[in-house]
Amino acid sequence: MAISTGDSVTITYTGRLDDGTVFDTTDESVAEEAGLLDEQPEREFEPLTVEVGAGNLIEGMEEGLLGLEVGDSETITVPPEEAYGEADGDSVREFDPEQFEGMVGQEPAEGLQVRAQGGAVGTVVDVSDDVVRVDFEHPLAGETLTFEIDVLSVE
């Protein structure tokens, strides 16, 4: 049965950047080798089950699954516009240091990851006495992503 919109599919995958760096995987041994186990100690690296078309995957990955069948292994290359968009460098927001501490509940520091009220995740990129700058651009913006996918089941 070929995958179509609305199907529930279970897949394993490994996502790589153009330089071969693994940025995500469902394979625990690949995660360990890539250092993802240390970065995400609470995560379980196991097959992923999603509904195709429900918006839980990036657009290019969902499109790449369409037509595949159980047992298929496929490599899907996703350009930035079908993943996390182009890197536009226009996602830095400025906050008053006191306001920042009140919102986040901790002192600002470069590299600190924060979550905005709307759910966007940002990284503190600059801290001074007058301003805290937080970049809300997705870390994979501007990247072409390659996924090695194995289809385990389709319902």
N, C-alpha and C. Protein backbone atom coordinates (compact mmCIF):
# COMPACT_ATOMS: atom_id res chain seq x y z
N MET A 1 0.84 -1.18 0.00
CA MET A 1 0.00 0.00 0.00
C MET A 1 0.89 1.25 0.00
N ALA A 2 0.74 2.09 -0.99
CA ALA A 2 1.54 3.31 -1.10
C ALA A 2 1.04 4.35 -0.11
N ILE A 3 1.98 5.07 0.49
CA ILE A 3 1.64 6.11 1.46
C ILE A 3 0.89 7.24 0.77
N SER A 4 -0.22 7.68 1.39
CA SER A 4 -0.94 8.85 0.91
C SER A 4 -1.31 9.73 2.11
N THR A 5 -1.76 10.94 1.82
CA THR A 5 -2.13 11.88 2.87
C THR A 5 -3.19 11.26 3.77
N GLY A 6 -2.99 11.39 5.08
CA GLY A 6 -3.92 10.85 6.06
C GLY A 6 -3.50 9.51 6.62
N ASP A 7 -2.54 8.84 5.96
CA ASP A 7 -2.05 7.56 6.46
C ASP A 7 -1.20 7.76 7.72
N SER A 8 -1.25 6.78 8.61
CA SER A 8 -0.37 6.75 9.76
C SER A 8 0.82 5.87 9.37
N VAL A 9 2.02 6.45 9.43
CA VAL A 9 3.21 5.71 9.01
C VAL A 9 4.21 5.65 10.16
N THR A 10 4.94 4.54 10.20
CA THR A 10 6.03 4.40 11.15
C THR A 10 7.31 4.27 10.33
N ILE A 11 8.26 5.15 10.65
CA ILE A 11 9.52 5.20 9.91
C ILE A 11 10.70 5.26 10.87
N THR A 12 11.86 4.89 10.35
CA THR A 12 13.12 5.23 11.00
C THR A 12 13.83 6.16 10.03
N TYR A 13 14.65 7.05 10.56
CA TYR A 13 15.33 7.99 9.68
C TYR A 13 16.60 8.52 10.34
N THR A 14 17.48 9.02 9.48
CA THR A 14 18.65 9.79 9.92
C THR A 14 18.70 11.00 9.02
N GLY A 15 18.78 12.20 9.65
CA GLY A 15 18.87 13.45 8.91
C GLY A 15 20.29 13.97 8.96
N ARG A 16 20.80 14.37 7.80
CA ARG A 16 22.18 14.88 7.70
C ARG A 16 22.19 16.23 6.97
N LEU A 17 23.19 17.03 7.32
CA LEU A 17 23.46 18.27 6.58
C LEU A 17 24.33 17.94 5.38
N ASP A 18 24.56 18.92 4.51
CA ASP A 18 25.39 18.71 3.33
C ASP A 18 26.80 18.21 3.66
N ASP A 19 27.32 18.62 4.82
CA ASP A 19 28.67 18.19 5.21
C ASP A 19 28.70 16.82 5.89
N GLY A 20 27.53 16.15 5.96
CA GLY A 20 27.45 14.82 6.55
C GLY A 20 27.11 14.80 8.03
N THR A 21 27.06 15.97 8.66
CA THR A 21 26.73 16.04 10.08
C THR A 21 25.32 15.53 10.35
N VAL A 22 25.18 14.62 11.31
CA VAL A 22 23.87 14.12 11.70
C VAL A 22 23.23 15.14 12.63
N PHE A 23 22.03 15.64 12.27
CA PHE A 23 21.33 16.59 13.14
C PHE A 23 20.13 15.95 13.83
N ASP A 24 19.67 14.78 13.33
CA ASP A 24 18.55 14.09 13.96
C ASP A 24 18.52 12.65 13.47
N THR A 25 18.03 11.76 14.32
CA THR A 25 17.92 10.34 13.95
C THR A 25 16.97 9.64 14.90
N THR A 26 16.46 8.50 14.44
CA THR A 26 15.67 7.63 15.31
C THR A 26 16.51 6.44 15.77
N ASP A 27 17.74 6.34 15.30
CA ASP A 27 18.63 5.21 15.59
C ASP A 27 19.56 5.56 16.75
N GLU A 28 19.41 4.86 17.87
CA GLU A 28 20.18 5.17 19.06
C GLU A 28 21.69 5.05 18.84
N SER A 29 22.13 4.07 18.06
CA SER A 29 23.58 3.92 17.84
C SER A 29 24.12 5.08 17.01
N VAL A 30 23.35 5.54 16.03
CA VAL A 30 23.76 6.72 15.24
C VAL A 30 23.76 7.96 16.13
N ALA A 31 22.74 8.07 17.00
CA ALA A 31 22.66 9.21 17.93
C ALA A 31 23.87 9.24 18.86
N GLU A 32 24.27 8.07 19.34
CA GLU A 32 25.43 8.01 20.24
C GLU A 32 26.70 8.45 19.51
N GLU A 33 26.89 7.93 18.30
CA GLU A 33 28.07 8.26 17.50
C GLU A 33 28.12 9.75 17.17
N ALA A 34 26.95 10.37 16.93
CA ALA A 34 26.88 11.78 16.56
C ALA A 34 26.87 12.72 17.76
N GLY A 35 26.82 12.16 18.98
CA GLY A 35 26.80 13.00 20.18
C GLY A 35 25.42 13.48 20.57
N LEU A 36 24.38 13.00 19.89
CA LEU A 36 23.02 13.44 20.19
C LEU A 36 22.50 12.87 21.51
N LEU A 37 23.01 11.71 21.93
CA LEU A 37 22.59 11.14 23.21
C LEU A 37 22.97 12.07 24.35
N ASP A 38 24.16 12.66 24.27
CA ASP A 38 24.61 13.59 25.31
C ASP A 38 23.82 14.89 25.26
N GLU A 39 23.49 15.37 24.06
CA GLU A 39 22.76 16.62 23.90
C GLU A 39 21.29 16.49 24.30
N GLN A 40 20.72 15.30 24.13
CA GLN A 40 19.29 15.08 24.39
C GLN A 40 19.11 13.84 25.27
N PRO A 41 19.59 13.89 26.52
CA PRO A 41 19.57 12.69 27.37
C PRO A 41 18.19 12.15 27.70
N GLU A 42 17.16 12.99 27.64
CA GLU A 42 15.80 12.55 27.98
C GLU A 42 15.07 11.91 26.79
N ARG A 43 15.62 12.07 25.59
CA ARG A 43 14.94 11.60 24.40
C ARG A 43 15.12 10.11 24.19
N GLU A 44 14.07 9.46 23.71
CA GLU A 44 14.15 8.06 23.31
C GLU A 44 14.32 8.03 21.80
N PHE A 45 15.39 7.41 21.34
CA PHE A 45 15.65 7.30 19.91
C PHE A 45 15.02 5.99 19.43
N GLU A 46 13.84 6.10 18.82
CA GLU A 46 13.06 4.95 18.39
C GLU A 46 12.26 5.33 17.16
N PRO A 47 11.69 4.33 16.45
CA PRO A 47 10.90 4.64 15.25
C PRO A 47 9.83 5.69 15.54
N LEU A 48 9.53 6.48 14.52
CA LEU A 48 8.58 7.58 14.62
C LEU A 48 7.29 7.21 13.89
N THR A 49 6.16 7.41 14.56
CA THR A 49 4.86 7.20 13.92
C THR A 49 4.16 8.55 13.79
N VAL A 50 3.78 8.92 12.58
CA VAL A 50 3.12 10.20 12.32
C VAL A 50 2.01 10.01 11.29
N GLU A 51 1.09 10.98 11.30
CA GLU A 51 0.06 11.02 10.27
C GLU A 51 0.55 11.93 9.15
N VAL A 52 0.65 11.39 7.96
CA VAL A 52 1.12 12.17 6.82
C VAL A 52 0.09 13.24 6.48
N GLY A 53 0.54 14.48 6.37
CA GLY A 53 -0.34 15.59 6.03
C GLY A 53 -0.84 16.35 7.24
N ALA A 54 -0.53 15.88 8.45
CA ALA A 54 -1.02 16.55 9.67
C ALA A 54 -0.12 17.71 10.09
N GLY A 55 0.98 17.92 9.37
CA GLY A 55 1.85 19.05 9.67
C GLY A 55 2.85 18.78 10.78
N ASN A 56 3.08 17.52 11.13
CA ASN A 56 4.04 17.19 12.17
C ASN A 56 5.45 16.98 11.64
N LEU A 57 5.60 16.96 10.33
CA LEU A 57 6.91 16.84 9.69
C LEU A 57 7.11 18.07 8.80
N ILE A 58 8.36 18.35 8.48
CA ILE A 58 8.60 19.44 7.54
C ILE A 58 7.99 19.06 6.18
N GLU A 59 7.62 20.07 5.43
CA GLU A 59 6.91 19.88 4.17
C GLU A 59 7.62 18.91 3.22
N GLY A 60 8.91 19.10 3.02
CA GLY A 60 9.65 18.28 2.07
C GLY A 60 9.74 16.82 2.48
N MET A 61 9.77 16.55 3.79
CA MET A 61 9.81 15.16 4.25
C MET A 61 8.44 14.51 4.03
N GLU A 62 7.37 15.23 4.33
CA GLU A 62 6.03 14.68 4.10
C GLU A 62 5.84 14.37 2.62
N GLU A 63 6.23 15.29 1.75
CA GLU A 63 6.08 15.07 0.31
C GLU A 63 6.90 13.88 -0.15
N GLY A 64 8.10 13.73 0.43
CA GLY A 64 8.98 12.62 0.06
C GLY A 64 8.44 11.26 0.46
N LEU A 65 7.60 11.21 1.49
CA LEU A 65 7.01 9.95 1.94
C LEU A 65 5.89 9.46 1.01
N LEU A 66 5.21 10.41 0.36
CA LEU A 66 4.07 10.05 -0.50
C LEU A 66 4.50 9.07 -1.58
N GLY A 67 3.75 7.97 -1.68
CA GLY A 67 4.03 6.97 -2.71
C GLY A 67 4.95 5.85 -2.25
N LEU A 68 5.65 6.04 -1.14
CA LEU A 68 6.51 4.96 -0.63
C LEU A 68 5.64 3.85 -0.03
N GLU A 69 6.22 2.67 0.11
CA GLU A 69 5.50 1.52 0.65
C GLU A 69 6.31 0.88 1.77
N VAL A 70 5.65 0.01 2.54
CA VAL A 70 6.33 -0.72 3.62
C VAL A 70 7.54 -1.45 3.04
N GLY A 71 8.66 -1.32 3.70
CA GLY A 71 9.89 -1.96 3.26
C GLY A 71 10.77 -1.08 2.40
N ASP A 72 10.22 0.04 1.93
CA ASP A 72 11.02 0.95 1.10
C ASP A 72 12.09 1.65 1.94
N SER A 73 13.25 1.83 1.33
CA SER A 73 14.31 2.66 1.88
C SER A 73 14.56 3.75 0.86
N GLU A 74 14.54 4.99 1.31
CA GLU A 74 14.63 6.11 0.38
C GLU A 74 15.50 7.21 0.97
N THR A 75 16.23 7.89 0.10
CA THR A 75 16.96 9.09 0.51
C THR A 75 16.22 10.28 -0.06
N ILE A 76 15.82 11.19 0.83
CA ILE A 76 15.06 12.38 0.43
C ILE A 76 15.89 13.61 0.72
N THR A 77 16.09 14.44 -0.29
CA THR A 77 16.80 15.70 -0.11
C THR A 77 15.77 16.82 -0.08
N VAL A 78 15.84 17.64 0.99
CA VAL A 78 14.85 18.69 1.21
C VAL A 78 15.54 20.05 1.17
N PRO A 79 15.17 20.91 0.19
CA PRO A 79 15.77 22.25 0.13
C PRO A 79 15.24 23.12 1.27
N PRO A 80 15.96 24.19 1.62
CA PRO A 80 15.55 25.04 2.74
C PRO A 80 14.11 25.52 2.69
N GLU A 81 13.61 25.87 1.50
CA GLU A 81 12.25 26.41 1.40
C GLU A 81 11.18 25.36 1.73
N GLU A 82 11.54 24.06 1.73
CA GLU A 82 10.60 23.01 2.11
C GLU A 82 10.95 22.43 3.48
N ALA A 83 11.89 23.11 4.18
CA ALA A 83 12.30 22.66 5.51
C ALA A 83 12.04 23.79 6.50
N TYR A 84 13.09 24.51 6.88
CA TYR A 84 12.96 25.57 7.88
C TYR A 84 13.15 26.97 7.30
N GLY A 85 13.09 27.07 5.97
CA GLY A 85 13.18 28.36 5.31
C GLY A 85 14.61 28.81 5.12
N GLU A 86 14.73 29.89 4.39
CA GLU A 86 16.05 30.49 4.16
C GLU A 86 16.49 31.23 5.42
N ALA A 87 17.78 31.28 5.62
CA ALA A 87 18.33 32.06 6.73
C ALA A 87 18.29 33.52 6.31
N ASP A 88 17.47 34.32 7.01
CA ASP A 88 17.33 35.72 6.61
C ASP A 88 18.06 36.68 7.54
N GLY A 89 18.53 36.17 8.68
CA GLY A 89 19.27 37.02 9.61
C GLY A 89 18.43 38.13 10.22
N ASP A 90 17.10 38.04 10.06
CA ASP A 90 16.21 39.10 10.53
C ASP A 90 15.35 38.63 11.70
N SER A 91 15.88 37.70 12.48
CA SER A 91 15.09 37.11 13.55
C SER A 91 15.62 37.45 14.94
N VAL A 92 16.47 38.46 15.02
CA VAL A 92 17.02 38.87 16.32
C VAL A 92 16.09 39.89 16.96
N ARG A 93 15.72 39.63 18.20
CA ARG A 93 14.88 40.54 18.98
C ARG A 93 15.68 41.06 20.16
N GLU A 94 15.40 42.30 20.54
CA GLU A 94 16.12 42.93 21.65
C GLU A 94 15.20 43.08 22.85
N PHE A 95 15.76 42.84 24.03
CA PHE A 95 15.02 42.94 25.29
C PHE A 95 15.83 43.74 26.30
N ASP A 96 15.14 44.45 27.16
CA ASP A 96 15.76 45.09 28.31
C ASP A 96 16.21 43.96 29.24
N PRO A 97 17.42 44.03 29.82
CA PRO A 97 17.91 42.94 30.67
C PRO A 97 16.97 42.60 31.83
N GLU A 98 16.39 43.59 32.48
CA GLU A 98 15.47 43.31 33.59
C GLU A 98 14.20 42.64 33.09
N GLN A 99 13.69 43.11 31.95
CA GLN A 99 12.50 42.51 31.35
C GLN A 99 12.79 41.05 30.98
N PHE A 100 13.98 40.80 30.42
CA PHE A 100 14.38 39.45 30.03
C PHE A 100 14.37 38.52 31.24
N GLU A 101 15.01 38.96 32.33
CA GLU A 101 15.08 38.14 33.54
C GLU A 101 13.69 37.85 34.08
N GLY A 102 12.79 38.83 34.02
CA GLY A 102 11.42 38.62 34.49
C GLY A 102 10.67 37.61 33.65
N MET A 103 10.91 37.60 32.33
CA MET A 103 10.22 36.67 31.44
C MET A 103 10.79 35.26 31.54
N VAL A 104 12.11 35.18 31.58
CA VAL A 104 12.79 33.89 31.50
C VAL A 104 13.02 33.27 32.88
N GLY A 105 13.16 34.13 33.88
CA GLY A 105 13.39 33.63 35.23
C GLY A 105 14.83 33.33 35.54
N GLN A 106 15.73 33.80 34.68
CA GLN A 106 17.15 33.64 34.95
C GLN A 106 17.94 34.74 34.26
N GLU A 107 19.17 34.89 34.70
CA GLU A 107 20.03 35.93 34.17
C GLU A 107 20.43 35.58 32.73
N PRO A 108 20.47 36.57 31.83
CA PRO A 108 20.85 36.28 30.44
C PRO A 108 22.32 35.91 30.32
N ALA A 109 22.61 34.98 29.43
CA ALA A 109 23.98 34.57 29.14
C ALA A 109 24.04 34.12 27.69
N GLU A 110 25.12 34.47 27.00
CA GLU A 110 25.26 34.05 25.60
C GLU A 110 25.17 32.54 25.50
N GLY A 111 24.42 32.07 24.49
CA GLY A 111 24.23 30.64 24.26
C GLY A 111 23.03 30.06 24.96
N LEU A 112 22.43 30.81 25.89
CA LEU A 112 21.24 30.33 26.61
C LEU A 112 20.08 30.14 25.64
N GLN A 113 19.41 28.99 25.71
CA GLN A 113 18.23 28.71 24.90
C GLN A 113 17.00 29.17 25.67
N VAL A 114 16.11 29.91 25.00
CA VAL A 114 14.88 30.39 25.64
C VAL A 114 13.69 30.08 24.74
N ARG A 115 12.51 29.99 25.36
CA ARG A 115 11.27 29.74 24.61
C ARG A 115 10.36 30.94 24.79
N ALA A 116 9.92 31.52 23.67
CA ALA A 116 9.01 32.66 23.71
C ALA A 116 7.61 32.18 24.05
N GLN A 117 6.74 33.13 24.42
CA GLN A 117 5.36 32.79 24.78
C GLN A 117 4.65 32.05 23.65
N GLY A 118 4.96 32.40 22.41
CA GLY A 118 4.34 31.75 21.26
C GLY A 118 4.93 30.39 20.93
N GLY A 119 5.96 29.98 21.66
CA GLY A 119 6.57 28.67 21.44
C GLY A 119 7.87 28.70 20.67
N ALA A 120 8.21 29.84 20.05
CA ALA A 120 9.45 29.91 19.28
C ALA A 120 10.65 29.76 20.22
N VAL A 121 11.66 29.04 19.75
CA VAL A 121 12.88 28.85 20.54
C VAL A 121 13.94 29.78 19.99
N GLY A 122 14.63 30.46 20.91
CA GLY A 122 15.69 31.39 20.53
C GLY A 122 16.95 31.14 21.31
N THR A 123 18.03 31.73 20.83
CA THR A 123 19.32 31.62 21.48
C THR A 123 19.83 33.03 21.78
N VAL A 124 20.24 33.26 23.03
CA VAL A 124 20.82 34.55 23.40
C VAL A 124 22.15 34.67 22.68
N VAL A 125 22.28 35.72 21.86
CA VAL A 125 23.50 35.90 21.06
C VAL A 125 24.37 37.06 21.54
N ASP A 126 23.81 37.96 22.39
CA ASP A 126 24.59 39.09 22.88
C ASP A 126 23.95 39.63 24.15
N VAL A 127 24.79 39.93 25.14
CA VAL A 127 24.32 40.49 26.40
C VAL A 127 25.18 41.69 26.75
N SER A 128 24.52 42.84 27.01
CA SER A 128 25.23 44.03 27.49
C SER A 128 24.44 44.61 28.65
N ASP A 129 24.93 45.69 29.23
CA ASP A 129 24.21 46.33 30.33
C ASP A 129 22.86 46.88 29.88
N ASP A 130 22.75 47.23 28.58
CA ASP A 130 21.56 47.89 28.06
C ASP A 130 20.57 46.98 27.34
N VAL A 131 21.07 45.88 26.77
CA VAL A 131 20.21 45.07 25.90
C VAL A 131 20.64 43.60 25.89
N VAL A 132 19.62 42.74 25.74
CA VAL A 132 19.84 41.31 25.52
C VAL A 132 19.30 41.01 24.13
N ARG A 133 20.14 40.43 23.26
CA ARG A 133 19.72 40.09 21.90
C ARG A 133 19.50 38.58 21.81
N VAL A 134 18.31 38.21 21.31
CA VAL A 134 17.94 36.80 21.18
C VAL A 134 17.61 36.53 19.71
N ASP A 135 18.26 35.50 19.15
CA ASP A 135 18.02 35.11 17.76
C ASP A 135 17.00 33.98 17.74
N PHE A 136 15.84 34.23 17.09
CA PHE A 136 14.77 33.24 17.01
C PHE A 136 14.76 32.48 15.68
N GLU A 137 15.79 32.66 14.86
CA GLU A 137 15.85 31.91 13.60
C GLU A 137 16.15 30.44 13.91
N HIS A 138 15.46 29.53 13.23
CA HIS A 138 15.68 28.11 13.46
C HIS A 138 17.13 27.77 13.09
N PRO A 139 17.80 26.95 13.91
CA PRO A 139 19.21 26.62 13.64
C PRO A 139 19.43 25.93 12.29
N LEU A 140 18.40 25.31 11.73
CA LEU A 140 18.54 24.64 10.44
C LEU A 140 18.05 25.50 9.27
N ALA A 141 17.68 26.75 9.53
CA ALA A 141 17.27 27.65 8.45
C ALA A 141 18.43 27.80 7.46
N GLY A 142 18.09 27.75 6.19
CA GLY A 142 19.10 27.90 5.14
C GLY A 142 19.83 26.62 4.79
N GLU A 143 19.55 25.54 5.49
CA GLU A 143 20.24 24.27 5.26
C GLU A 143 19.42 23.36 4.33
N THR A 144 20.13 22.66 3.43
CA THR A 144 19.54 21.57 2.67
C THR A 144 19.69 20.33 3.53
N LEU A 145 18.58 19.62 3.74
CA LEU A 145 18.57 18.47 4.63
C LEU A 145 18.40 17.18 3.83
N THR A 146 19.14 16.14 4.20
CA THR A 146 19.03 14.84 3.54
C THR A 146 18.60 13.82 4.57
N PHE A 147 17.52 13.10 4.27
CA PHE A 147 17.00 12.08 5.17
C PHE A 147 17.12 10.71 4.53
N GLU A 148 17.69 9.77 5.27
CA GLU A 148 17.69 8.37 4.89
C GLU A 148 16.53 7.74 5.66
N ILE A 149 15.50 7.28 4.94
CA ILE A 149 14.25 6.84 5.56
C ILE A 149 13.98 5.37 5.23
N ASP A 150 13.53 4.62 6.25
CA ASP A 150 13.03 3.28 6.07
C ASP A 150 11.59 3.25 6.53
N VAL A 151 10.69 2.76 5.68
CA VAL A 151 9.26 2.70 6.01
C VAL A 151 8.99 1.34 6.66
N LEU A 152 8.54 1.38 7.95
CA LEU A 152 8.28 0.16 8.70
C LEU A 152 6.83 -0.30 8.60
N SER A 153 5.89 0.67 8.63
CA SER A 153 4.47 0.30 8.52
C SER A 153 3.65 1.46 7.97
N VAL A 154 2.51 1.12 7.38
CA VAL A 154 1.57 2.10 6.83
C VAL A 154 0.17 1.62 7.20
N GLU A 155 -0.62 2.51 7.82
CA GLU A 155 -2.00 2.17 8.17
C GLU A 155 -2.93 3.22 7.61
